[in-house]
Amino acid sequence: MLLDSTAFIDFTREYKPAVEAFDKLLHGQSTSIVTKLELVVGQQTKRDIKKISSMLDNLEIDVIQINEDVSMMAEDILTKYYHSYGIGILDAFIAATALVYNQELATRNTKHFDFIPNLKLIKPY
């Protein structure tokens, strides 16, 4: 299962359903490097950035890097859906990662992705 940034943001804010979901289901899953970078951008200090890496390590989250297959799929998604659905570059890469690695995408923002064929979406809590 590939986790979107919403799960990590809720976890760091100690949102109870997110914390419980990580305890039961989300621990040891994966995420895209794009999601990790989204989390980094939201931090105020270098110390906070280090906390993001530590959190991912502690939760045993596998960070999937961008490769040629993911890049090509992201280009296809962006080309097809930018004008009709307004998908952004980052979400295109996240969706592409889930598709290339045949993983469900766990997100609370299903509307950002629900128009992409063959992309399996789940709300993690």
PDB file of N, CA and C in Angstrom:
ATOM      1  N   MET A   1       0.846  -1.168   0.000  1.00  0.00           N
ATOM      2  CA  MET A   1       0.000   0.000   0.000  1.00  0.00           C
ATOM      3  C   MET A   1       0.900   1.242   0.000  1.00  0.00           C
ATOM      4  N   LEU A   2       0.579   2.173  -0.878  1.00  0.00           N
ATOM      5  CA  LEU A   2       1.326   3.421  -0.991  1.00  0.00           C
ATOM      6  C   LEU A   2       0.562   4.511  -0.243  1.00  0.00           C
ATOM      7  N   LEU A   3       1.221   5.178   0.682  1.00  0.00           N
ATOM      8  CA  LEU A   3       0.571   6.188   1.501  1.00  0.00           C
ATOM      9  C   LEU A   3       0.792   7.589   0.947  1.00  0.00           C
ATOM     10  N   ASP A   4      -0.278   8.347   0.880  1.00  0.00           N
ATOM     11  CA  ASP A   4      -0.223   9.746   0.479  1.00  0.00           C
ATOM     12  C   ASP A   4       0.101  10.603   1.702  1.00  0.00           C
ATOM     13  N   SER A   5       0.417  11.848   1.470  1.00  0.00           N
ATOM     14  CA  SER A   5       0.844  12.737   2.558  1.00  0.00           C
ATOM     15  C   SER A   5      -0.220  12.943   3.624  1.00  0.00           C
ATOM     16  N   THR A   6      -1.498  12.815   3.269  1.00  0.00           N
ATOM     17  CA  THR A   6      -2.555  13.073   4.253  1.00  0.00           C
ATOM     18  C   THR A   6      -2.413  12.186   5.482  1.00  0.00           C
ATOM     19  N   ALA A   7      -2.041  10.924   5.288  1.00  0.00           N
ATOM     20  CA  ALA A   7      -1.899  10.010   6.425  1.00  0.00           C
ATOM     21  C   ALA A   7      -0.782  10.465   7.362  1.00  0.00           C
ATOM     22  N   PHE A   8       0.335  10.885   6.791  1.00  0.00           N
ATOM     23  CA  PHE A   8       1.467  11.317   7.616  1.00  0.00           C
ATOM     24  C   PHE A   8       1.180  12.643   8.318  1.00  0.00           C
ATOM     25  N   ILE A   9       0.510  13.539   7.625  1.00  0.00           N
ATOM     26  CA  ILE A   9       0.167  14.832   8.234  1.00  0.00           C
ATOM     27  C   ILE A   9      -0.755  14.601   9.429  1.00  0.00           C
ATOM     28  N   ASP A  10      -1.767  13.762   9.237  1.00  0.00           N
ATOM     29  CA  ASP A  10      -2.686  13.467  10.336  1.00  0.00           C
ATOM     30  C   ASP A  10      -1.964  12.767  11.488  1.00  0.00           C
ATOM     31  N   PHE A  11      -1.032  11.885  11.160  1.00  0.00           N
ATOM     32  CA  PHE A  11      -0.267  11.176  12.185  1.00  0.00           C
ATOM     33  C   PHE A  11       0.568  12.154  13.014  1.00  0.00           C
ATOM     34  N   THR A  12       1.255  13.080  12.335  1.00  0.00           N
ATOM     35  CA  THR A  12       2.098  14.038  13.067  1.00  0.00           C
ATOM     36  C   THR A  12       1.260  15.010  13.901  1.00  0.00           C
ATOM     37  N   ARG A  13       0.026  15.226  13.502  1.00  0.00           N
ATOM     38  CA  ARG A  13      -0.885  16.078  14.281  1.00  0.00           C
ATOM     39  C   ARG A  13      -1.595  15.290  15.379  1.00  0.00           C
ATOM     40  N   GLU A  14      -1.233  14.012  15.488  1.00  0.00           N
ATOM     41  CA  GLU A  14      -1.777  13.109  16.501  1.00  0.00           C
ATOM     42  C   GLU A  14      -3.293  12.964  16.396  1.00  0.00           C
ATOM     43  N   TYR A  15      -3.786  12.982  15.144  1.00  0.00           N
ATOM     44  CA  TYR A  15      -5.198  12.731  14.879  1.00  0.00           C
ATOM     45  C   TYR A  15      -5.455  11.256  15.199  1.00  0.00           C
ATOM     46  N   LYS A  16      -6.314  11.009  16.173  1.00  0.00           N
ATOM     47  CA  LYS A  16      -6.485   9.669  16.730  1.00  0.00           C
ATOM     48  C   LYS A  16      -6.744   8.587  15.678  1.00  0.00           C
ATOM     49  N   PRO A  17      -7.656   8.785  14.726  1.00  0.00           N
ATOM     50  CA  PRO A  17      -7.861   7.729  13.720  1.00  0.00           C
ATOM     51  C   PRO A  17      -6.589   7.413  12.910  1.00  0.00           C
ATOM     52  N   ALA A  18      -5.772   8.413  12.658  1.00  0.00           N
ATOM     53  CA  ALA A  18      -4.525   8.181  11.921  1.00  0.00           C
ATOM     54  C   ALA A  18      -3.529   7.403  12.764  1.00  0.00           C
ATOM     55  N   VAL A  19      -3.391   7.786  14.016  1.00  0.00           N
ATOM     56  CA  VAL A  19      -2.469   7.081  14.908  1.00  0.00           C
ATOM     57  C   VAL A  19      -2.888   5.618  15.038  1.00  0.00           C
ATOM     58  N   GLU A  20      -4.180   5.373  15.206  1.00  0.00           N
ATOM     59  CA  GLU A  20      -4.683   4.001  15.310  1.00  0.00           C
ATOM     60  C   GLU A  20      -4.454   3.228  14.016  1.00  0.00           C
ATOM     61  N   ALA A  21      -4.640   3.890  12.886  1.00  0.00           N
ATOM     62  CA  ALA A  21      -4.429   3.224  11.597  1.00  0.00           C
ATOM     63  C   ALA A  21      -2.973   2.821  11.418  1.00  0.00           C
ATOM     64  N   PHE A  22      -2.040   3.670  11.831  1.00  0.00           N
ATOM     65  CA  PHE A  22      -0.627   3.309  11.740  1.00  0.00           C
ATOM     66  C   PHE A  22      -0.310   2.134  12.662  1.00  0.00           C
ATOM     67  N   ASP A  23      -0.940   2.106  13.834  1.00  0.00           N
ATOM     68  CA  ASP A  23      -0.717   0.995  14.759  1.00  0.00           C
ATOM     69  C   ASP A  23      -1.207  -0.329  14.188  1.00  0.00           C
ATOM     70  N   LYS A  24      -2.328  -0.301  13.465  1.00  0.00           N
ATOM     71  CA  LYS A  24      -2.974  -1.536  13.007  1.00  0.00           C
ATOM     72  C   LYS A  24      -2.650  -1.919  11.570  1.00  0.00           C
ATOM     73  N   LEU A  25      -2.474  -0.938  10.687  1.00  0.00           N
ATOM     74  CA  LEU A  25      -2.457  -1.237   9.263  1.00  0.00           C
ATOM     75  C   LEU A  25      -1.330  -0.576   8.476  1.00  0.00           C
ATOM     76  N   LEU A  26      -1.020   0.660   8.790  1.00  0.00           N
ATOM     77  CA  LEU A  26      -0.162   1.457   7.916  1.00  0.00           C
ATOM     78  C   LEU A  26       1.324   1.318   8.199  1.00  0.00           C
ATOM     79  N   HIS A  27       1.670   0.865   9.379  1.00  0.00           N
ATOM     80  CA  HIS A  27       3.076   0.664   9.753  1.00  0.00           C
ATOM     81  C   HIS A  27       3.711  -0.324   8.758  1.00  0.00           C
ATOM     82  N   GLY A  28       4.902   0.010   8.250  1.00  0.00           N
ATOM     83  CA  GLY A  28       5.619  -0.899   7.356  1.00  0.00           C
ATOM     84  C   GLY A  28       5.165  -0.857   5.906  1.00  0.00           C
ATOM     85  N   GLN A  29       4.383   0.126   5.539  1.00  0.00           N
ATOM     86  CA  GLN A  29       3.930   0.256   4.157  1.00  0.00           C
ATOM     87  C   GLN A  29       4.959   1.080   3.365  1.00  0.00           C
ATOM     88  N   SER A  30       4.532   1.673   2.262  1.00  0.00           N
ATOM     89  CA  SER A  30       5.456   2.453   1.441  1.00  0.00           C
ATOM     90  C   SER A  30       4.867   3.818   1.121  1.00  0.00           C
ATOM     91  N   THR A  31       5.733   4.681   0.598  1.00  0.00           N
ATOM     92  CA  THR A  31       5.319   5.996   0.137  1.00  0.00           C
ATOM     93  C   THR A  31       6.242   6.395  -1.002  1.00  0.00           C
ATOM     94  N   SER A  32       5.832   7.383  -1.741  1.00  0.00           N
ATOM     95  CA  SER A  32       6.644   7.909  -2.832  1.00  0.00           C
ATOM     96  C   SER A  32       7.623   8.944  -2.290  1.00  0.00           C
ATOM     97  N   ILE A  33       8.776   9.049  -2.916  1.00  0.00           N
ATOM     98  CA  ILE A  33       9.711  10.118  -2.564  1.00  0.00           C
ATOM     99  C   ILE A  33       9.028  11.476  -2.715  1.00  0.00           C
ATOM    100  N   VAL A  34       8.077  11.576  -3.623  1.00  0.00           N
ATOM    101  CA  VAL A  34       7.349  12.840  -3.816  1.00  0.00           C
ATOM    102  C   VAL A  34       6.565  13.182  -2.549  1.00  0.00           C
ATOM    103  N   THR A  35       5.943  12.189  -1.940  1.00  0.00           N
ATOM    104  CA  THR A  35       5.221  12.421  -0.689  1.00  0.00           C
ATOM    105  C   THR A  35       6.181  12.863   0.409  1.00  0.00           C
ATOM    106  N   LYS A  36       7.324  12.207   0.493  1.00  0.00           N
ATOM    107  CA  LYS A  36       8.314  12.611   1.494  1.00  0.00           C
ATOM    108  C   LYS A  36       8.723  14.064   1.262  1.00  0.00           C
ATOM    109  N   LEU A  37       8.938  14.450   0.032  1.00  0.00           N
ATOM    110  CA  LEU A  37       9.326  15.831  -0.266  1.00  0.00           C
ATOM    111  C   LEU A  37       8.200  16.806   0.055  1.00  0.00           C
ATOM    112  N   GLU A  38       6.942  16.393  -0.156  1.00  0.00           N
ATOM    113  CA  GLU A  38       5.813  17.240   0.247  1.00  0.00           C
ATOM    114  C   GLU A  38       5.852  17.487   1.756  1.00  0.00           C
ATOM    115  N   LEU A  39       6.180  16.451   2.503  1.00  0.00           N
ATOM    116  CA  LEU A  39       6.265  16.589   3.957  1.00  0.00           C
ATOM    117  C   LEU A  39       7.419  17.505   4.358  1.00  0.00           C
ATOM    118  N   VAL A  40       8.527  17.404   3.662  1.00  0.00           N
ATOM    119  CA  VAL A  40       9.690  18.262   3.943  1.00  0.00           C
ATOM    120  C   VAL A  40       9.331  19.729   3.730  1.00  0.00           C
ATOM    121  N   VAL A  41       8.627  20.020   2.658  1.00  0.00           N
ATOM    122  CA  VAL A  41       8.267  21.399   2.341  1.00  0.00           C
ATOM    123  C   VAL A  41       7.406  22.015   3.453  1.00  0.00           C
ATOM    124  N   GLY A  42       6.648  21.202   4.145  1.00  0.00           N
ATOM    125  CA  GLY A  42       5.785  21.706   5.209  1.00  0.00           C
ATOM    126  C   GLY A  42       6.484  21.974   6.528  1.00  0.00           C
ATOM    127  N   GLN A  43       7.786  21.744   6.583  1.00  0.00           N
ATOM    128  CA  GLN A  43       8.508  21.896   7.848  1.00  0.00           C
ATOM    129  C   GLN A  43       9.141  23.285   7.972  1.00  0.00           C
ATOM    130  N   GLN A  44       9.302  23.726   9.208  1.00  0.00           N
ATOM    131  CA  GLN A  44       9.806  25.074   9.482  1.00  0.00           C
ATOM    132  C   GLN A  44      11.321  25.130   9.644  1.00  0.00           C
ATOM    133  N   THR A  45      11.923  24.046  10.143  1.00  0.00           N
ATOM    134  CA  THR A  45      13.357  24.067  10.436  1.00  0.00           C
ATOM    135  C   THR A  45      14.017  22.784   9.928  1.00  0.00           C
ATOM    136  N   LYS A  46      15.345  22.797   9.894  1.00  0.00           N
ATOM    137  CA  LYS A  46      16.080  21.592   9.518  1.00  0.00           C
ATOM    138  C   LYS A  46      15.848  20.478  10.538  1.00  0.00           C
ATOM    139  N   ARG A  47      15.703  20.835  11.781  1.00  0.00           N
ATOM    140  CA  ARG A  47      15.413  19.845  12.814  1.00  0.00           C
ATOM    141  C   ARG A  47      14.081  19.155  12.525  1.00  0.00           C
ATOM    142  N   ASP A  48      13.081  19.946  12.102  1.00  0.00           N
ATOM    143  CA  ASP A  48      11.777  19.369  11.761  1.00  0.00           C
ATOM    144  C   ASP A  48      11.892  18.429  10.561  1.00  0.00           C
ATOM    145  N   ILE A  49      12.739  18.785   9.608  1.00  0.00           N
ATOM    146  CA  ILE A  49      12.958  17.929   8.436  1.00  0.00           C
ATOM    147  C   ILE A  49      13.558  16.594   8.867  1.00  0.00           C
ATOM    148  N   LYS A  50      14.501  16.640   9.792  1.00  0.00           N
ATOM    149  CA  LYS A  50      15.099  15.396  10.301  1.00  0.00           C
ATOM    150  C   LYS A  50      14.048  14.537  11.002  1.00  0.00           C
ATOM    151  N   LYS A  51      13.088  15.184  11.646  1.00  0.00           N
ATOM    152  CA  LYS A  51      12.016  14.443  12.316  1.00  0.00           C
ATOM    153  C   LYS A  51      11.169  13.667  11.306  1.00  0.00           C
ATOM    154  N   ILE A  52      11.001  14.218  10.108  1.00  0.00           N
ATOM    155  CA  ILE A  52      10.246  13.516   9.065  1.00  0.00           C
ATOM    156  C   ILE A  52      10.959  12.222   8.691  1.00  0.00           C
ATOM    157  N   SER A  53      12.256  12.308   8.444  1.00  0.00           N
ATOM    158  CA  SER A  53      13.027  11.105   8.111  1.00  0.00           C
ATOM    159  C   SER A  53      12.986  10.095   9.251  1.00  0.00           C
ATOM    160  N   SER A  54      13.108  10.574  10.470  1.00  0.00           N
ATOM    161  CA  SER A  54      13.051   9.684  11.632  1.00  0.00           C
ATOM    162  C   SER A  54      11.684   9.019  11.748  1.00  0.00           C
ATOM    163  N   MET A  55      10.627   9.786  11.521  1.00  0.00           N
ATOM    164  CA  MET A  55       9.274   9.230  11.587  1.00  0.00           C
ATOM    165  C   MET A  55       9.118   8.106  10.568  1.00  0.00           C
ATOM    166  N   LEU A  56       9.561   8.364   9.328  1.00  0.00           N
ATOM    167  CA  LEU A  56       9.434   7.343   8.287  1.00  0.00           C
ATOM    168  C   LEU A  56      10.243   6.103   8.631  1.00  0.00           C
ATOM    169  N   ASP A  57      11.431   6.308   9.179  1.00  0.00           N
ATOM    170  CA  ASP A  57      12.261   5.174   9.614  1.00  0.00           C
ATOM    171  C   ASP A  57      11.585   4.397  10.739  1.00  0.00           C
ATOM    172  N   ASN A  58      11.082   5.105  11.740  1.00  0.00           N
ATOM    173  CA  ASN A  58      10.439   4.455  12.883  1.00  0.00           C
ATOM    174  C   ASN A  58       9.189   3.674  12.479  1.00  0.00           C
ATOM    175  N   LEU A  59       8.478   4.190  11.475  1.00  0.00           N
ATOM    176  CA  LEU A  59       7.269   3.510  10.987  1.00  0.00           C
ATOM    177  C   LEU A  59       7.599   2.436   9.944  1.00  0.00           C
ATOM    178  N   GLU A  60       8.894   2.284   9.659  1.00  0.00           N
ATOM    179  CA  GLU A  60       9.373   1.310   8.674  1.00  0.00           C
ATOM    180  C   GLU A  60       8.705   1.505   7.312  1.00  0.00           C
ATOM    181  N   ILE A  61       8.649   2.758   6.900  1.00  0.00           N
ATOM    182  CA  ILE A  61       8.056   3.112   5.607  1.00  0.00           C
ATOM    183  C   ILE A  61       9.128   3.016   4.531  1.00  0.00           C
ATOM    184  N   ASP A  62       8.825   2.267   3.484  1.00  0.00           N
ATOM    185  CA  ASP A  62       9.717   2.141   2.336  1.00  0.00           C
ATOM    186  C   ASP A  62       9.465   3.328   1.405  1.00  0.00           C
ATOM    187  N   VAL A  63      10.473   4.146   1.172  1.00  0.00           N
ATOM    188  CA  VAL A  63      10.331   5.309   0.290  1.00  0.00           C
ATOM    189  C   VAL A  63      10.739   4.886  -1.120  1.00  0.00           C
ATOM    190  N   ILE A  64       9.776   4.921  -2.032  1.00  0.00           N
ATOM    191  CA  ILE A  64      10.003   4.496  -3.411  1.00  0.00           C
ATOM    192  C   ILE A  64      10.484   5.684  -4.235  1.00  0.00           C
ATOM    193  N   GLN A  65      11.606   5.508  -4.888  1.00  0.00           N
ATOM    194  CA  GLN A  65      12.198   6.560  -5.719  1.00  0.00           C
ATOM    195  C   GLN A  65      11.538   6.597  -7.100  1.00  0.00           C
ATOM    196  N   ILE A  66      11.710   7.699  -7.772  1.00  0.00           N
ATOM    197  CA  ILE A  66      11.209   7.850  -9.136  1.00  0.00           C
ATOM    198  C   ILE A  66      12.175   7.156 -10.086  1.00  0.00           C
ATOM    199  N   ASN A  67      11.617   6.356 -10.983  1.00  0.00           N
ATOM    200  CA  ASN A  67      12.428   5.738 -12.031  1.00  0.00           C
ATOM    201  C   ASN A  67      11.807   6.068 -13.388  1.00  0.00           C
ATOM    202  N   GLU A  68      12.365   5.528 -14.444  1.00  0.00           N
ATOM    203  CA  GLU A  68      11.883   5.859 -15.787  1.00  0.00           C
ATOM    204  C   GLU A  68      10.428   5.445 -15.990  1.00  0.00           C
ATOM    205  N   ASP A  69      10.043   4.278 -15.487  1.00  0.00           N
ATOM    206  CA  ASP A  69       8.657   3.828 -15.646  1.00  0.00           C
ATOM    207  C   ASP A  69       7.682   4.768 -14.941  1.00  0.00           C
ATOM    208  N   VAL A  70       8.034   5.183 -13.733  1.00  0.00           N
ATOM    209  CA  VAL A  70       7.180   6.110 -12.989  1.00  0.00           C
ATOM    210  C   VAL A  70       7.103   7.449 -13.711  1.00  0.00           C
ATOM    211  N   SER A  71       8.232   7.918 -14.219  1.00  0.00           N
ATOM    212  CA  SER A  71       8.254   9.200 -14.943  1.00  0.00           C
ATOM    213  C   SER A  71       7.374   9.158 -16.185  1.00  0.00           C
ATOM    214  N   MET A  72       7.469   8.076 -16.923  1.00  0.00           N
ATOM    215  CA  MET A  72       6.665   7.956 -18.148  1.00  0.00           C
ATOM    216  C   MET A  72       5.180   7.865 -17.823  1.00  0.00           C
ATOM    217  N   MET A  73       4.829   7.131 -16.774  1.00  0.00           N
ATOM    218  CA  MET A  73       3.429   7.011 -16.366  1.00  0.00           C
ATOM    219  C   MET A  73       2.915   8.359 -15.863  1.00  0.00           C
ATOM    220  N   ALA A  74       3.720   9.082 -15.108  1.00  0.00           N
ATOM    221  CA  ALA A  74       3.315  10.397 -14.609  1.00  0.00           C
ATOM    222  C   ALA A  74       3.073  11.360 -15.769  1.00  0.00           C
ATOM    223  N   GLU A  75       3.934  11.312 -16.762  1.00  0.00           N
ATOM    224  CA  GLU A  75       3.741  12.159 -17.945  1.00  0.00           C
ATOM    225  C   GLU A  75       2.415  11.823 -18.623  1.00  0.00           C
ATOM    226  N   ASP A  76       2.122  10.550 -18.752  1.00  0.00           N
ATOM    227  CA  ASP A  76       0.868  10.118 -19.373  1.00  0.00           C
ATOM    228  C   ASP A  76      -0.337  10.612 -18.567  1.00  0.00           C
ATOM    229  N   ILE A  77      -0.290  10.453 -17.262  1.00  0.00           N
ATOM    230  CA  ILE A  77      -1.388  10.890 -16.401  1.00  0.00           C
ATOM    231  C   ILE A  77      -1.572  12.404 -16.482  1.00  0.00           C
ATOM    232  N   LEU A  78      -0.486  13.145 -16.416  1.00  0.00           N
ATOM    233  CA  LEU A  78      -0.569  14.600 -16.458  1.00  0.00           C
ATOM    234  C   LEU A  78      -1.110  15.082 -17.800  1.00  0.00           C
ATOM    235  N   THR A  79      -0.635  14.463 -18.873  1.00  0.00           N
ATOM    236  CA  THR A  79      -1.087  14.840 -20.214  1.00  0.00           C
ATOM    237  C   THR A  79      -2.583  14.582 -20.396  1.00  0.00           C
ATOM    238  N   LYS A  80      -3.051  13.450 -19.883  1.00  0.00           N
ATOM    239  CA  LYS A  80      -4.466  13.081 -20.055  1.00  0.00           C
ATOM    240  C   LYS A  80      -5.400  13.864 -19.144  1.00  0.00           C
ATOM    241  N   TYR A  81      -4.968  14.190 -17.936  1.00  0.00           N
ATOM    242  CA  TYR A  81      -5.913  14.663 -16.932  1.00  0.00           C
ATOM    243  C   TYR A  81      -5.669  16.071 -16.386  1.00  0.00           C
ATOM    244  N   TYR A  82      -4.620  16.735 -16.848  1.00  0.00           N
ATOM    245  CA  TYR A  82      -4.365  18.078 -16.343  1.00  0.00           C
ATOM    246  C   TYR A  82      -5.513  19.034 -16.691  1.00  0.00           C
ATOM    247  N   HIS A  83      -5.890  19.083 -17.950  1.00  0.00           N
ATOM    248  CA  HIS A  83      -6.925  20.040 -18.374  1.00  0.00           C
ATOM    249  C   HIS A  83      -8.327  19.617 -17.934  1.00  0.00           C
ATOM    250  N   SER A  84      -8.597  18.328 -17.937  1.00  0.00           N
ATOM    251  CA  SER A  84      -9.954  17.887 -17.611  1.00  0.00           C
ATOM    252  C   SER A  84     -10.217  17.784 -16.113  1.00  0.00           C
ATOM    253  N   TYR A  85      -9.203  17.454 -15.323  1.00  0.00           N
ATOM    254  CA  TYR A  85      -9.399  17.269 -13.889  1.00  0.00           C
ATOM    255  C   TYR A  85      -8.490  18.124 -13.021  1.00  0.00           C
ATOM    256  N   GLY A  86      -7.523  18.811 -13.627  1.00  0.00           N
ATOM    257  CA  GLY A  86      -6.645  19.692 -12.880  1.00  0.00           C
ATOM    258  C   GLY A  86      -5.611  18.990 -12.017  1.00  0.00           C
ATOM    259  N   ILE A  87      -5.266  17.751 -12.372  1.00  0.00           N
ATOM    260  CA  ILE A  87      -4.272  17.039 -11.574  1.00  0.00           C
ATOM    261  C   ILE A  87      -2.939  17.788 -11.626  1.00  0.00           C
ATOM    262  N   GLY A  88      -2.271  17.843 -10.494  1.00  0.00           N
ATOM    263  CA  GLY A  88      -0.982  18.513 -10.419  1.00  0.00           C
ATOM    264  C   GLY A  88       0.162  17.543 -10.670  1.00  0.00           C
ATOM    265  N   ILE A  89       1.326  18.096 -10.854  1.00  0.00           N
ATOM    266  CA  ILE A  89       2.511  17.293 -11.139  1.00  0.00           C
ATOM    267  C   ILE A  89       2.795  16.311 -10.002  1.00  0.00           C
ATOM    268  N   LEU A  90       2.736  16.773  -8.773  1.00  0.00           N
ATOM    269  CA  LEU A  90       3.062  15.896  -7.643  1.00  0.00           C
ATOM    270  C   LEU A  90       2.089  14.736  -7.530  1.00  0.00           C
ATOM    271  N   ASP A  91       0.789  15.020  -7.667  1.00  0.00           N
ATOM    272  CA  ASP A  91      -0.199  13.951  -7.604  1.00  0.00           C
ATOM    273  C   ASP A  91      -0.050  12.984  -8.778  1.00  0.00           C
ATOM    274  N   ALA A  92       0.342  13.488  -9.931  1.00  0.00           N
ATOM    275  CA  ALA A  92       0.580  12.602 -11.075  1.00  0.00           C
ATOM    276  C   ALA A  92       1.713  11.626 -10.773  1.00  0.00           C
ATOM    277  N   PHE A  93       2.765  12.101 -10.138  1.00  0.00           N
ATOM    278  CA  PHE A  93       3.873  11.215  -9.768  1.00  0.00           C
ATOM    279  C   PHE A  93       3.460  10.208  -8.693  1.00  0.00           C
ATOM    280  N   ILE A  94       2.675  10.639  -7.739  1.00  0.00           N
ATOM    281  CA  ILE A  94       2.220   9.738  -6.687  1.00  0.00           C
ATOM    282  C   ILE A  94       1.326   8.641  -7.279  1.00  0.00           C
ATOM    283  N   ALA A  95       0.377   9.037  -8.113  1.00  0.00           N
ATOM    284  CA  ALA A  95      -0.495   8.053  -8.766  1.00  0.00           C
ATOM    285  C   ALA A  95       0.312   7.100  -9.639  1.00  0.00           C
ATOM    286  N   ALA A  96       1.261   7.640 -10.375  1.00  0.00           N
ATOM    287  CA  ALA A  96       2.089   6.811 -11.239  1.00  0.00           C
ATOM    288  C   ALA A  96       2.884   5.792 -10.435  1.00  0.00           C
ATOM    289  N   THR A  97       3.395   6.197  -9.295  1.00  0.00           N
ATOM    290  CA  THR A  97       4.141   5.271  -8.442  1.00  0.00           C
ATOM    291  C   THR A  97       3.244   4.121  -8.000  1.00  0.00           C
ATOM    292  N   ALA A  98       2.034   4.435  -7.581  1.00  0.00           N
ATOM    293  CA  ALA A  98       1.093   3.384  -7.166  1.00  0.00           C
ATOM    294  C   ALA A  98       0.794   2.437  -8.327  1.00  0.00           C
ATOM    295  N   LEU A  99       0.570   2.983  -9.501  1.00  0.00           N
ATOM    296  CA  LEU A  99       0.250   2.149 -10.659  1.00  0.00           C
ATOM    297  C   LEU A  99       1.429   1.279 -11.083  1.00  0.00           C
ATOM    298  N   VAL A 100       2.596   1.863 -11.188  1.00  0.00           N
ATOM    299  CA  VAL A 100       3.780   1.109 -11.638  1.00  0.00           C
ATOM    300  C   VAL A 100       4.108  -0.007 -10.660  1.00  0.00           C
ATOM    301  N   TYR A 101       3.959   0.247  -9.362  1.00  0.00           N
ATOM    302  CA  TYR A 101       4.290  -0.756  -8.349  1.00  0.00           C
ATOM    303  C   TYR A 101       3.072  -1.591  -7.920  1.00  0.00           C
ATOM    304  N   ASN A 102       1.956  -1.394  -8.642  1.00  0.00           N
ATOM    305  CA  ASN A 102       0.729  -2.165  -8.416  1.00  0.00           C
ATOM    306  C   ASN A 102       0.311  -2.147  -6.939  1.00  0.00           C
ATOM    307  N   GLN A 103       0.241  -0.942  -6.388  1.00  0.00           N
ATOM    308  CA  GLN A 103      -0.145  -0.777  -4.995  1.00  0.00           C
ATOM    309  C   GLN A 103      -1.415   0.059  -4.896  1.00  0.00           C
ATOM    310  N   GLU A 104      -2.191  -0.214  -3.872  1.00  0.00           N
ATOM    311  CA  GLU A 104      -3.324   0.639  -3.560  1.00  0.00           C
ATOM    312  C   GLU A 104      -2.776   1.967  -3.056  1.00  0.00           C
ATOM    313  N   LEU A 105      -3.482   3.046  -3.364  1.00  0.00           N
ATOM    314  CA  LEU A 105      -3.091   4.360  -2.872  1.00  0.00           C
ATOM    315  C   LEU A 105      -3.999   4.725  -1.709  1.00  0.00           C
ATOM    316  N   ALA A 106      -3.413   4.870  -0.529  1.00  0.00           N
ATOM    317  CA  ALA A 106      -4.159   5.242   0.667  1.00  0.00           C
ATOM    318  C   ALA A 106      -4.114   6.757   0.818  1.00  0.00           C
ATOM    319  N   THR A 107      -5.276   7.386   0.703  1.00  0.00           N
ATOM    320  CA  THR A 107      -5.361   8.837   0.778  1.00  0.00           C
ATOM    321  C   THR A 107      -6.732   9.257   1.283  1.00  0.00           C
ATOM    322  N   ARG A 108      -6.775  10.382   1.942  1.00  0.00           N
ATOM    323  CA  ARG A 108      -8.071  10.963   2.300  1.00  0.00           C
ATOM    324  C   ARG A 108      -8.550  11.897   1.190  1.00  0.00           C
ATOM    325  N   ASN A 109      -7.663  12.210   0.250  1.00  0.00           N
ATOM    326  CA  ASN A 109      -8.010  13.098  -0.872  1.00  0.00           C
ATOM    327  C   ASN A 109      -8.329  12.282  -2.125  1.00  0.00           C
ATOM    328  N   THR A 110      -9.340  11.431  -2.035  1.00  0.00           N
ATOM    329  CA  THR A 110      -9.653  10.565  -3.173  1.00  0.00           C
ATOM    330  C   THR A 110     -10.065  11.369  -4.409  1.00  0.00           C
ATOM    331  N   LYS A 111     -10.635  12.538  -4.218  1.00  0.00           N
ATOM    332  CA  LYS A 111     -11.061  13.349  -5.371  1.00  0.00           C
ATOM    333  C   LYS A 111      -9.882  13.788  -6.239  1.00  0.00           C
ATOM    334  N   HIS A 112      -8.672  13.782  -5.669  1.00  0.00           N
ATOM    335  CA  HIS A 112      -7.485  14.135  -6.452  1.00  0.00           C
ATOM    336  C   HIS A 112      -7.102  13.030  -7.429  1.00  0.00           C
ATOM    337  N   PHE A 113      -7.643  11.811  -7.202  1.00  0.00           N
ATOM    338  CA  PHE A 113      -7.179  10.653  -7.952  1.00  0.00           C
ATOM    339  C   PHE A 113      -8.281   9.782  -8.539  1.00  0.00           C
ATOM    340  N   ASP A 114      -9.534   9.961  -8.160  1.00  0.00           N
ATOM    341  CA  ASP A 114     -10.571   8.976  -8.478  1.00  0.00           C
ATOM    342  C   ASP A 114     -10.926   8.855  -9.955  1.00  0.00           C
ATOM    343  N   PHE A 115     -10.420   9.696 -10.790  1.00  0.00           N
ATOM    344  CA  PHE A 115     -10.690   9.660 -12.229  1.00  0.00           C
ATOM    345  C   PHE A 115      -9.633   8.865 -13.003  1.00  0.00           C
ATOM    346  N   ILE A 116      -8.606   8.373 -12.326  1.00  0.00           N
ATOM    347  CA  ILE A 116      -7.512   7.665 -13.001  1.00  0.00           C
ATOM    348  C   ILE A 116      -7.849   6.185 -13.075  1.00  0.00           C
ATOM    349  N   PRO A 117      -8.015   5.657 -14.292  1.00  0.00           N
ATOM    350  CA  PRO A 117      -8.361   4.235 -14.437  1.00  0.00           C
ATOM    351  C   PRO A 117      -7.312   3.327 -13.831  1.00  0.00           C
ATOM    352  N   ASN A 118      -7.783   2.236 -13.264  1.00  0.00           N
ATOM    353  CA  ASN A 118      -6.943   1.174 -12.705  1.00  0.00           C
ATOM    354  C   ASN A 118      -6.200   1.565 -11.435  1.00  0.00           C
ATOM    355  N   LEU A 119      -6.380   2.787 -10.955  1.00  0.00           N
ATOM    356  CA  LEU A 119      -5.752   3.192  -9.706  1.00  0.00           C
ATOM    357  C   LEU A 119      -6.679   2.804  -8.573  1.00  0.00           C
ATOM    358  N   LYS A 120      -6.204   1.931  -7.686  1.00  0.00           N
ATOM    359  CA  LYS A 120      -7.008   1.461  -6.567  1.00  0.00           C
ATOM    360  C   LYS A 120      -6.814   2.419  -5.388  1.00  0.00           C
ATOM    361  N   LEU A 121      -7.913   3.017  -4.954  1.00  0.00           N
ATOM    362  CA  LEU A 121      -7.867   3.980  -3.859  1.00  0.00           C
ATOM    363  C   LEU A 121      -8.521   3.407  -2.625  1.00  0.00           C
ATOM    364  N   ILE A 122      -7.938   3.706  -1.480  1.00  0.00           N
ATOM    365  CA  ILE A 122      -8.571   3.369  -0.215  1.00  0.00           C
ATOM    366  C   ILE A 122      -8.422   4.550   0.737  1.00  0.00           C
ATOM    367  N   LYS A 123      -9.437   4.736   1.557  1.00  0.00           N
ATOM    368  CA  LYS A 123      -9.352   5.712   2.636  1.00  0.00           C
ATOM    369  C   LYS A 123      -8.797   4.954   3.837  1.00  0.00           C
ATOM    370  N   PRO A 124      -7.644   5.380   4.354  1.00  0.00           N
ATOM    371  CA  PRO A 124      -6.983   4.583   5.386  1.00  0.00           C
ATOM    372  C   PRO A 124      -7.662   4.594   6.756  1.00  0.00           C
ATOM    373  N   TYR A 125      -8.572   5.551   6.972  1.00  0.00           N
ATOM    374  CA  TYR A 125      -9.311   5.625   8.241  1.00  0.00           C
ATOM    375  C   TYR A 125     -10.484   6.540   8.054  1.00  0.00           C
TER     376      TYR A 125
END
